[in-house]
């Protein structure tokens, strides 16, 4: 349908993600509609 079904995955630590892809992390401040 409009979504994908995850058939195989593993838990991921954010620390590992930050270590492997630091350039893709962005900290921002702003306003958004809720």
ModelCIF file with pLDDT and N, C-alpha, C, O atoms, coordinates in Angstrom:
data_MODEL
#
_entry.id   MODEL 
#
_entity.id                         1 
_entity.type                       polymer 
_entity.pdbx_number_of_molecules   1 
#
_entity_poly.entity_id                      1 
_entity_poly.type                           'polypeptide(L)' 
_entity_poly.nstd_linkage                   no 
_entity_poly.nstd_monomer                   no 
_entity_poly.pdbx_seq_one_letter_code       
;(UNK)(UNK)(UNK)(UNK)(UNK)(UNK)(UNK)(UNK)(UNK)(UNK)(UNK)(UNK)(UNK)(UNK)(UNK)(UNK)
(UNK)(UNK)(UNK)(UNK)(UNK)(UNK)(UNK)(UNK)(UNK)(UNK)(UNK)(UNK)(UNK)(UNK)(UNK)(UNK)
(UNK)(UNK)
;
_entity_poly.pdbx_seq_one_letter_code_can   XXXXXXXXXXXXXXXXXXXXXXXXXXXXXXXXXX 
_entity_poly.pdbx_strand_id                 A 
#
loop_
_entity_poly_seq.entity_id 
_entity_poly_seq.num 
_entity_poly_seq.mon_id 
_entity_poly_seq.hetero 
1 1  UNK n 
1 2  UNK n 
1 3  UNK n 
1 4  UNK n 
1 5  UNK n 
1 6  UNK n 
1 7  UNK n 
1 8  UNK n 
1 9  UNK n 
1 10 UNK n 
1 11 UNK n 
1 12 UNK n 
1 13 UNK n 
1 14 UNK n 
1 15 UNK n 
1 16 UNK n 
1 17 UNK n 
1 18 UNK n 
1 19 UNK n 
1 20 UNK n 
1 21 UNK n 
1 22 UNK n 
1 23 UNK n 
1 24 UNK n 
1 25 UNK n 
1 26 UNK n 
1 27 UNK n 
1 28 UNK n 
1 29 UNK n 
1 30 UNK n 
1 31 UNK n 
1 32 UNK n 
1 33 UNK n 
1 34 UNK n 
#
_struct_asym.id          A 
_struct_asym.entity_id   1 
#
loop_
_ma_qa_metric.id 
_ma_qa_metric.mode 
_ma_qa_metric.name 
_ma_qa_metric.software_group_id 
_ma_qa_metric.type 
1 global pLDDT . pLDDT 
2 local  pLDDT . pLDDT 
#
_ma_qa_metric_global.metric_id      1 
_ma_qa_metric_global.metric_value   88.35 
_ma_qa_metric_global.model_id       1 
_ma_qa_metric_global.ordinal_id     1 
#
loop_
_ma_qa_metric_local.label_asym_id 
_ma_qa_metric_local.label_comp_id 
_ma_qa_metric_local.label_seq_id 
_ma_qa_metric_local.metric_id 
_ma_qa_metric_local.metric_value 
_ma_qa_metric_local.model_id 
_ma_qa_metric_local.ordinal_id 
A UNK 1  2 70.00 1 1  
A UNK 2  2 75.00 1 2  
A UNK 3  2 82.00 1 3  
A UNK 4  2 90.00 1 4  
A UNK 5  2 92.00 1 5  
A UNK 6  2 93.00 1 6  
A UNK 7  2 91.00 1 7  
A UNK 8  2 93.00 1 8  
A UNK 9  2 95.00 1 9  
A UNK 10 2 95.00 1 10 
A UNK 11 2 95.00 1 11 
A UNK 12 2 93.00 1 12 
A UNK 13 2 91.00 1 13 
A UNK 14 2 90.00 1 14 
A UNK 15 2 92.00 1 15 
A UNK 16 2 92.00 1 16 
A UNK 17 2 90.00 1 17 
A UNK 18 2 90.00 1 18 
A UNK 19 2 91.00 1 19 
A UNK 20 2 90.00 1 20 
A UNK 21 2 89.00 1 21 
A UNK 22 2 91.00 1 22 
A UNK 23 2 91.00 1 23 
A UNK 24 2 88.00 1 24 
A UNK 25 2 90.00 1 25 
A UNK 26 2 89.00 1 26 
A UNK 27 2 87.00 1 27 
A UNK 28 2 81.00 1 28 
A UNK 29 2 79.00 1 29 
A UNK 30 2 79.00 1 30 
A UNK 31 2 85.00 1 31 
A UNK 32 2 86.00 1 32 
A UNK 33 2 91.00 1 33 
A UNK 34 2 88.00 1 34 
#
loop_
_atom_site.group_PDB 
_atom_site.id 
_atom_site.type_symbol 
_atom_site.label_atom_id 
_atom_site.label_alt_id 
_atom_site.label_comp_id 
_atom_site.label_asym_id 
_atom_site.label_entity_id 
_atom_site.label_seq_id 
_atom_site.pdbx_PDB_ins_code 
_atom_site.Cartn_x 
_atom_site.Cartn_y 
_atom_site.Cartn_z 
_atom_site.occupancy 
_atom_site.B_iso_or_equiv 
_atom_site.pdbx_formal_charge 
_atom_site.auth_seq_id 
_atom_site.auth_comp_id 
_atom_site.auth_asym_id 
_atom_site.auth_atom_id 
_atom_site.pdbx_PDB_model_num 
ATOM 1   N N  . UNK A 1 1  ? 0.827  -1.199 0.000  1.00 70.00 ? 1  UNK A N  1 
ATOM 2   C CA . UNK A 1 1  ? 0.000  0.000  0.000  1.00 70.00 ? 1  UNK A CA 1 
ATOM 3   C C  . UNK A 1 1  ? 0.864  1.253  0.000  1.00 70.00 ? 1  UNK A C  1 
ATOM 4   O O  . UNK A 1 1  ? 1.840  1.350  -0.744 1.00 70.00 ? 1  UNK A O  1 
ATOM 5   N N  . UNK A 1 2  ? 0.492  2.203  0.840  1.00 75.00 ? 2  UNK A N  1 
ATOM 6   C CA . UNK A 1 2  ? 1.244  3.458  0.907  1.00 75.00 ? 2  UNK A CA 1 
ATOM 7   C C  . UNK A 1 2  ? 2.458  3.354  1.816  1.00 75.00 ? 2  UNK A C  1 
ATOM 8   O O  . UNK A 1 2  ? 3.301  4.252  1.814  1.00 75.00 ? 2  UNK A O  1 
ATOM 9   N N  . UNK A 1 3  ? 2.570  2.275  2.597  1.00 82.00 ? 3  UNK A N  1 
ATOM 10  C CA . UNK A 1 3  ? 3.689  2.086  3.503  1.00 82.00 ? 3  UNK A CA 1 
ATOM 11  C C  . UNK A 1 3  ? 4.470  0.828  3.120  1.00 82.00 ? 3  UNK A C  1 
ATOM 12  O O  . UNK A 1 3  ? 4.004  -0.017 2.355  1.00 82.00 ? 3  UNK A O  1 
ATOM 13  N N  . UNK A 1 4  ? 5.676  0.741  3.683  1.00 90.00 ? 4  UNK A N  1 
ATOM 14  C CA . UNK A 1 4  ? 6.481  -0.466 3.490  1.00 90.00 ? 4  UNK A CA 1 
ATOM 15  C C  . UNK A 1 4  ? 6.338  -1.349 4.733  1.00 90.00 ? 4  UNK A C  1 
ATOM 16  O O  . UNK A 1 4  ? 6.158  -0.849 5.843  1.00 90.00 ? 4  UNK A O  1 
ATOM 17  N N  . UNK A 1 5  ? 6.419  -2.641 4.535  1.00 92.00 ? 5  UNK A N  1 
ATOM 18  C CA . UNK A 1 5  ? 6.386  -3.569 5.660  1.00 92.00 ? 5  UNK A CA 1 
ATOM 19  C C  . UNK A 1 5  ? 7.799  -4.024 5.962  1.00 92.00 ? 5  UNK A C  1 
ATOM 20  O O  . UNK A 1 5  ? 8.504  -4.542 5.097  1.00 92.00 ? 5  UNK A O  1 
ATOM 21  N N  . UNK A 1 6  ? 8.195  -3.822 7.200  1.00 93.00 ? 6  UNK A N  1 
ATOM 22  C CA . UNK A 1 6  ? 9.545  -4.224 7.623  1.00 93.00 ? 6  UNK A CA 1 
ATOM 23  C C  . UNK A 1 6  ? 9.544  -5.734 7.862  1.00 93.00 ? 6  UNK A C  1 
ATOM 24  O O  . UNK A 1 6  ? 8.798  -6.235 8.703  1.00 93.00 ? 6  UNK A O  1 
ATOM 25  N N  . UNK A 1 7  ? 10.392 -6.458 7.111  1.00 91.00 ? 7  UNK A N  1 
ATOM 26  C CA . UNK A 1 7  ? 10.423 -7.924 7.234  1.00 91.00 ? 7  UNK A CA 1 
ATOM 27  C C  . UNK A 1 7  ? 11.627 -8.414 8.035  1.00 91.00 ? 7  UNK A C  1 
ATOM 28  O O  . UNK A 1 7  ? 11.608 -9.507 8.600  1.00 91.00 ? 7  UNK A O  1 
ATOM 29  N N  . UNK A 1 8  ? 12.697 -7.573 8.077  1.00 93.00 ? 8  UNK A N  1 
ATOM 30  C CA . UNK A 1 8  ? 13.871 -7.961 8.854  1.00 93.00 ? 8  UNK A CA 1 
ATOM 31  C C  . UNK A 1 8  ? 14.572 -6.691 9.324  1.00 93.00 ? 8  UNK A C  1 
ATOM 32  O O  . UNK A 1 8  ? 14.840 -5.792 8.528  1.00 93.00 ? 8  UNK A O  1 
ATOM 33  N N  . UNK A 1 9  ? 14.867 -6.620 10.623 1.00 95.00 ? 9  UNK A N  1 
ATOM 34  C CA . UNK A 1 9  ? 15.506 -5.425 11.180 1.00 95.00 ? 9  UNK A CA 1 
ATOM 35  C C  . UNK A 1 9  ? 16.194 -5.782 12.479 1.00 95.00 ? 9  UNK A C  1 
ATOM 36  O O  . UNK A 1 9  ? 16.008 -6.867 13.029 1.00 95.00 ? 9  UNK A O  1 
ATOM 37  N N  . UNK A 1 10 ? 17.000 -4.835 12.962 1.00 95.00 ? 10 UNK A N  1 
ATOM 38  C CA . UNK A 1 10 ? 17.690 -5.022 14.240 1.00 95.00 ? 10 UNK A CA 1 
ATOM 39  C C  . UNK A 1 10 ? 17.681 -3.696 14.988 1.00 95.00 ? 10 UNK A C  1 
ATOM 40  O O  . UNK A 1 10 ? 17.707 -2.636 14.364 1.00 95.00 ? 10 UNK A O  1 
ATOM 41  N N  . UNK A 1 11 ? 17.643 -3.743 16.328 1.00 95.00 ? 11 UNK A N  1 
ATOM 42  C CA . UNK A 1 11 ? 17.710 -2.507 17.109 1.00 95.00 ? 11 UNK A CA 1 
ATOM 43  C C  . UNK A 1 11 ? 19.002 -1.757 16.806 1.00 95.00 ? 11 UNK A C  1 
ATOM 44  O O  . UNK A 1 11 ? 20.038 -2.360 16.526 1.00 95.00 ? 11 UNK A O  1 
ATOM 45  N N  . UNK A 1 12 ? 18.921 -0.431 16.867 1.00 93.00 ? 12 UNK A N  1 
ATOM 46  C CA . UNK A 1 12 ? 20.075 0.402  16.551 1.00 93.00 ? 12 UNK A CA 1 
ATOM 47  C C  . UNK A 1 12 ? 20.278 1.423  17.654 1.00 93.00 ? 12 UNK A C  1 
ATOM 48  O O  . UNK A 1 12 ? 19.324 2.055  18.109 1.00 93.00 ? 12 UNK A O  1 
ATOM 49  N N  . UNK A 1 13 ? 21.517 1.581  18.081 1.00 91.00 ? 13 UNK A N  1 
ATOM 50  C CA . UNK A 1 13 ? 21.852 2.562  19.105 1.00 91.00 ? 13 UNK A CA 1 
ATOM 51  C C  . UNK A 1 13 ? 22.101 3.922  18.455 1.00 91.00 ? 13 UNK A C  1 
ATOM 52  O O  . UNK A 1 13 ? 22.760 4.008  17.419 1.00 91.00 ? 13 UNK A O  1 
ATOM 53  N N  . UNK A 1 14 ? 21.570 4.991  19.072 1.00 90.00 ? 14 UNK A N  1 
ATOM 54  C CA . UNK A 1 14 ? 21.803 6.320  18.524 1.00 90.00 ? 14 UNK A CA 1 
ATOM 55  C C  . UNK A 1 14 ? 23.279 6.691  18.596 1.00 90.00 ? 14 UNK A C  1 
ATOM 56  O O  . UNK A 1 14 ? 23.784 7.427  17.748 1.00 90.00 ? 14 UNK A O  1 
ATOM 57  N N  . UNK A 1 15 ? 23.965 6.178  19.610 1.00 92.00 ? 15 UNK A N  1 
ATOM 58  C CA . UNK A 1 15 ? 25.392 6.467  19.736 1.00 92.00 ? 15 UNK A CA 1 
ATOM 59  C C  . UNK A 1 15 ? 26.160 5.901  18.543 1.00 92.00 ? 15 UNK A C  1 
ATOM 60  O O  . UNK A 1 15 ? 27.080 6.542  18.035 1.00 92.00 ? 15 UNK A O  1 
ATOM 61  N N  . UNK A 1 16 ? 25.788 4.713  18.102 1.00 92.00 ? 16 UNK A N  1 
ATOM 62  C CA . UNK A 1 16 ? 26.437 4.117  16.931 1.00 92.00 ? 16 UNK A CA 1 
ATOM 63  C C  . UNK A 1 16 ? 26.129 4.941  15.694 1.00 92.00 ? 16 UNK A C  1 
ATOM 64  O O  . UNK A 1 16 ? 26.996 5.156  14.848 1.00 92.00 ? 16 UNK A O  1 
ATOM 65  N N  . UNK A 1 17 ? 24.896 5.399  15.596 1.00 90.00 ? 17 UNK A N  1 
ATOM 66  C CA . UNK A 1 17 ? 24.492 6.202  14.448 1.00 90.00 ? 17 UNK A CA 1 
ATOM 67  C C  . UNK A 1 17 ? 25.275 7.519  14.397 1.00 90.00 ? 17 UNK A C  1 
ATOM 68  O O  . UNK A 1 17 ? 25.733 7.948  13.337 1.00 90.00 ? 17 UNK A O  1 
ATOM 69  N N  . UNK A 1 18 ? 25.416 8.145  15.566 1.00 90.00 ? 18 UNK A N  1 
ATOM 70  C CA . UNK A 1 18 ? 26.155 9.413  15.623 1.00 90.00 ? 18 UNK A CA 1 
ATOM 71  C C  . UNK A 1 18 ? 27.630 9.205  15.282 1.00 90.00 ? 18 UNK A C  1 
ATOM 72  O O  . UNK A 1 18 ? 28.262 10.066 14.669 1.00 90.00 ? 18 UNK A O  1 
ATOM 73  N N  . UNK A 1 19 ? 28.165 8.069  15.680 1.00 91.00 ? 19 UNK A N  1 
ATOM 74  C CA . UNK A 1 19 ? 29.567 7.782  15.399 1.00 91.00 ? 19 UNK A CA 1 
ATOM 75  C C  . UNK A 1 19 ? 29.797 7.527  13.907 1.00 91.00 ? 19 UNK A C  1 
ATOM 76  O O  . UNK A 1 19 ? 30.816 7.941  13.355 1.00 91.00 ? 19 UNK A O  1 
ATOM 77  N N  . UNK A 1 20 ? 28.849 6.846  13.258 1.00 90.00 ? 20 UNK A N  1 
ATOM 78  C CA . UNK A 1 20 ? 29.020 6.491  11.852 1.00 90.00 ? 20 UNK A CA 1 
ATOM 79  C C  . UNK A 1 20 ? 28.650 7.624  10.899 1.00 90.00 ? 20 UNK A C  1 
ATOM 80  O O  . UNK A 1 20 ? 29.294 7.802  9.865  1.00 90.00 ? 20 UNK A O  1 
ATOM 81  N N  . UNK A 1 21 ? 27.594 8.406  11.250 1.00 89.00 ? 21 UNK A N  1 
ATOM 82  C CA . UNK A 1 21 ? 27.105 9.449  10.342 1.00 89.00 ? 21 UNK A CA 1 
ATOM 83  C C  . UNK A 1 21 ? 26.936 10.795 11.055 1.00 89.00 ? 21 UNK A C  1 
ATOM 84  O O  . UNK A 1 21 ? 25.833 11.342 11.073 1.00 89.00 ? 21 UNK A O  1 
ATOM 85  N N  . UNK A 1 22 ? 28.001 11.333 11.639 1.00 91.00 ? 22 UNK A N  1 
ATOM 86  C CA . UNK A 1 22 ? 27.854 12.587 12.404 1.00 91.00 ? 22 UNK A CA 1 
ATOM 87  C C  . UNK A 1 22 ? 27.389 13.756 11.544 1.00 91.00 ? 22 UNK A C  1 
ATOM 88  O O  . UNK A 1 22 ? 26.719 14.661 12.041 1.00 91.00 ? 22 UNK A O  1 
ATOM 89  N N  . UNK A 1 23 ? 27.740 13.745 10.253 1.00 91.00 ? 23 UNK A N  1 
ATOM 90  C CA . UNK A 1 23 ? 27.387 14.875 9.383  1.00 91.00 ? 23 UNK A CA 1 
ATOM 91  C C  . UNK A 1 23 ? 25.895 14.964 9.088  1.00 91.00 ? 23 UNK A C  1 
ATOM 92  O O  . UNK A 1 23 ? 25.415 15.995 8.618  1.00 91.00 ? 23 UNK A O  1 
ATOM 93  N N  . UNK A 1 24 ? 25.161 13.891 9.360  1.00 88.00 ? 24 UNK A N  1 
ATOM 94  C CA . UNK A 1 24 ? 23.730 13.891 9.043  1.00 88.00 ? 24 UNK A CA 1 
ATOM 95  C C  . UNK A 1 24 ? 22.867 14.312 10.230 1.00 88.00 ? 24 UNK A C  1 
ATOM 96  O O  . UNK A 1 24 ? 21.645 14.410 10.112 1.00 88.00 ? 24 UNK A O  1 
ATOM 97  N N  . UNK A 1 25 ? 23.508 14.561 11.377 1.00 90.00 ? 25 UNK A N  1 
ATOM 98  C CA . UNK A 1 25 ? 22.757 15.027 12.547 1.00 90.00 ? 25 UNK A CA 1 
ATOM 99  C C  . UNK A 1 25 ? 22.678 16.546 12.534 1.00 90.00 ? 25 UNK A C  1 
ATOM 100 O O  . UNK A 1 25 ? 23.682 17.229 12.331 1.00 90.00 ? 25 UNK A O  1 
ATOM 101 N N  . UNK A 1 26 ? 21.475 17.068 12.752 1.00 89.00 ? 26 UNK A N  1 
ATOM 102 C CA . UNK A 1 26 ? 21.258 18.517 12.751 1.00 89.00 ? 26 UNK A CA 1 
ATOM 103 C C  . UNK A 1 26 ? 20.453 18.891 13.988 1.00 89.00 ? 26 UNK A C  1 
ATOM 104 O O  . UNK A 1 26 ? 19.399 18.317 14.261 1.00 89.00 ? 26 UNK A O  1 
ATOM 105 N N  . UNK A 1 27 ? 20.972 19.866 14.731 1.00 87.00 ? 27 UNK A N  1 
ATOM 106 C CA . UNK A 1 27 ? 20.222 20.422 15.861 1.00 87.00 ? 27 UNK A CA 1 
ATOM 107 C C  . UNK A 1 27 ? 19.657 21.768 15.428 1.00 87.00 ? 27 UNK A C  1 
ATOM 108 O O  . UNK A 1 27 ? 20.382 22.607 14.893 1.00 87.00 ? 27 UNK A O  1 
ATOM 109 N N  . UNK A 1 28 ? 18.367 21.972 15.658 1.00 81.00 ? 28 UNK A N  1 
ATOM 110 C CA . UNK A 1 28 ? 17.734 23.202 15.213 1.00 81.00 ? 28 UNK A CA 1 
ATOM 111 C C  . UNK A 1 28 ? 16.700 23.669 16.226 1.00 81.00 ? 28 UNK A C  1 
ATOM 112 O O  . UNK A 1 28 ? 16.125 22.885 16.980 1.00 81.00 ? 28 UNK A O  1 
ATOM 113 N N  . UNK A 1 29 ? 16.492 24.976 16.209 1.00 79.00 ? 29 UNK A N  1 
ATOM 114 C CA . UNK A 1 29 ? 15.440 25.573 17.016 1.00 79.00 ? 29 UNK A CA 1 
ATOM 115 C C  . UNK A 1 29 ? 14.512 26.334 16.079 1.00 79.00 ? 29 UNK A C  1 
ATOM 116 O O  . UNK A 1 29 ? 14.964 26.996 15.145 1.00 79.00 ? 29 UNK A O  1 
ATOM 117 N N  . UNK A 1 30 ? 13.229 26.235 16.333 1.00 79.00 ? 30 UNK A N  1 
ATOM 118 C CA . UNK A 1 30 ? 12.278 26.930 15.486 1.00 79.00 ? 30 UNK A CA 1 
ATOM 119 C C  . UNK A 1 30 ? 10.870 26.719 15.992 1.00 79.00 ? 30 UNK A C  1 
ATOM 120 O O  . UNK A 1 30 ? 10.650 26.387 17.157 1.00 79.00 ? 30 UNK A O  1 
ATOM 121 N N  . UNK A 1 31 ? 9.924  26.917 15.098 1.00 85.00 ? 31 UNK A N  1 
ATOM 122 C CA . UNK A 1 31 ? 8.523  26.775 15.461 1.00 85.00 ? 31 UNK A CA 1 
ATOM 123 C C  . UNK A 1 31 ? 7.856  25.876 14.430 1.00 85.00 ? 31 UNK A C  1 
ATOM 124 O O  . UNK A 1 31 ? 8.164  25.949 13.241 1.00 85.00 ? 31 UNK A O  1 
ATOM 125 N N  . UNK A 1 32 ? 6.948  25.033 14.888 1.00 86.00 ? 32 UNK A N  1 
ATOM 126 C CA . UNK A 1 32 ? 6.231  24.152 13.979 1.00 86.00 ? 32 UNK A CA 1 
ATOM 127 C C  . UNK A 1 32 ? 4.791  24.013 14.452 1.00 86.00 ? 32 UNK A C  1 
ATOM 128 O O  . UNK A 1 32 ? 4.479  24.185 15.630 1.00 86.00 ? 32 UNK A O  1 
ATOM 129 N N  . UNK A 1 33 ? 3.934  23.700 13.506 1.00 91.00 ? 33 UNK A N  1 
ATOM 130 C CA . UNK A 1 33 ? 2.507  23.583 13.811 1.00 91.00 ? 33 UNK A CA 1 
ATOM 131 C C  . UNK A 1 33 ? 2.198  22.217 14.389 1.00 91.00 ? 33 UNK A C  1 
ATOM 132 O O  . UNK A 1 33 ? 2.618  21.192 13.853 1.00 91.00 ? 33 UNK A O  1 
ATOM 133 N N  . UNK A 1 34 ? 1.460  22.212 15.488 1.00 88.00 ? 34 UNK A N  1 
ATOM 134 C CA . UNK A 1 34 ? 1.016  20.980 16.123 1.00 88.00 ? 34 UNK A CA 1 
ATOM 135 C C  . UNK A 1 34 ? -0.475 20.824 15.832 1.00 88.00 ? 34 UNK A C  1 
ATOM 136 O O  . UNK A 1 34 ? -1.090 19.849 16.266 1.00 88.00 ? 34 UNK A O  1 
#
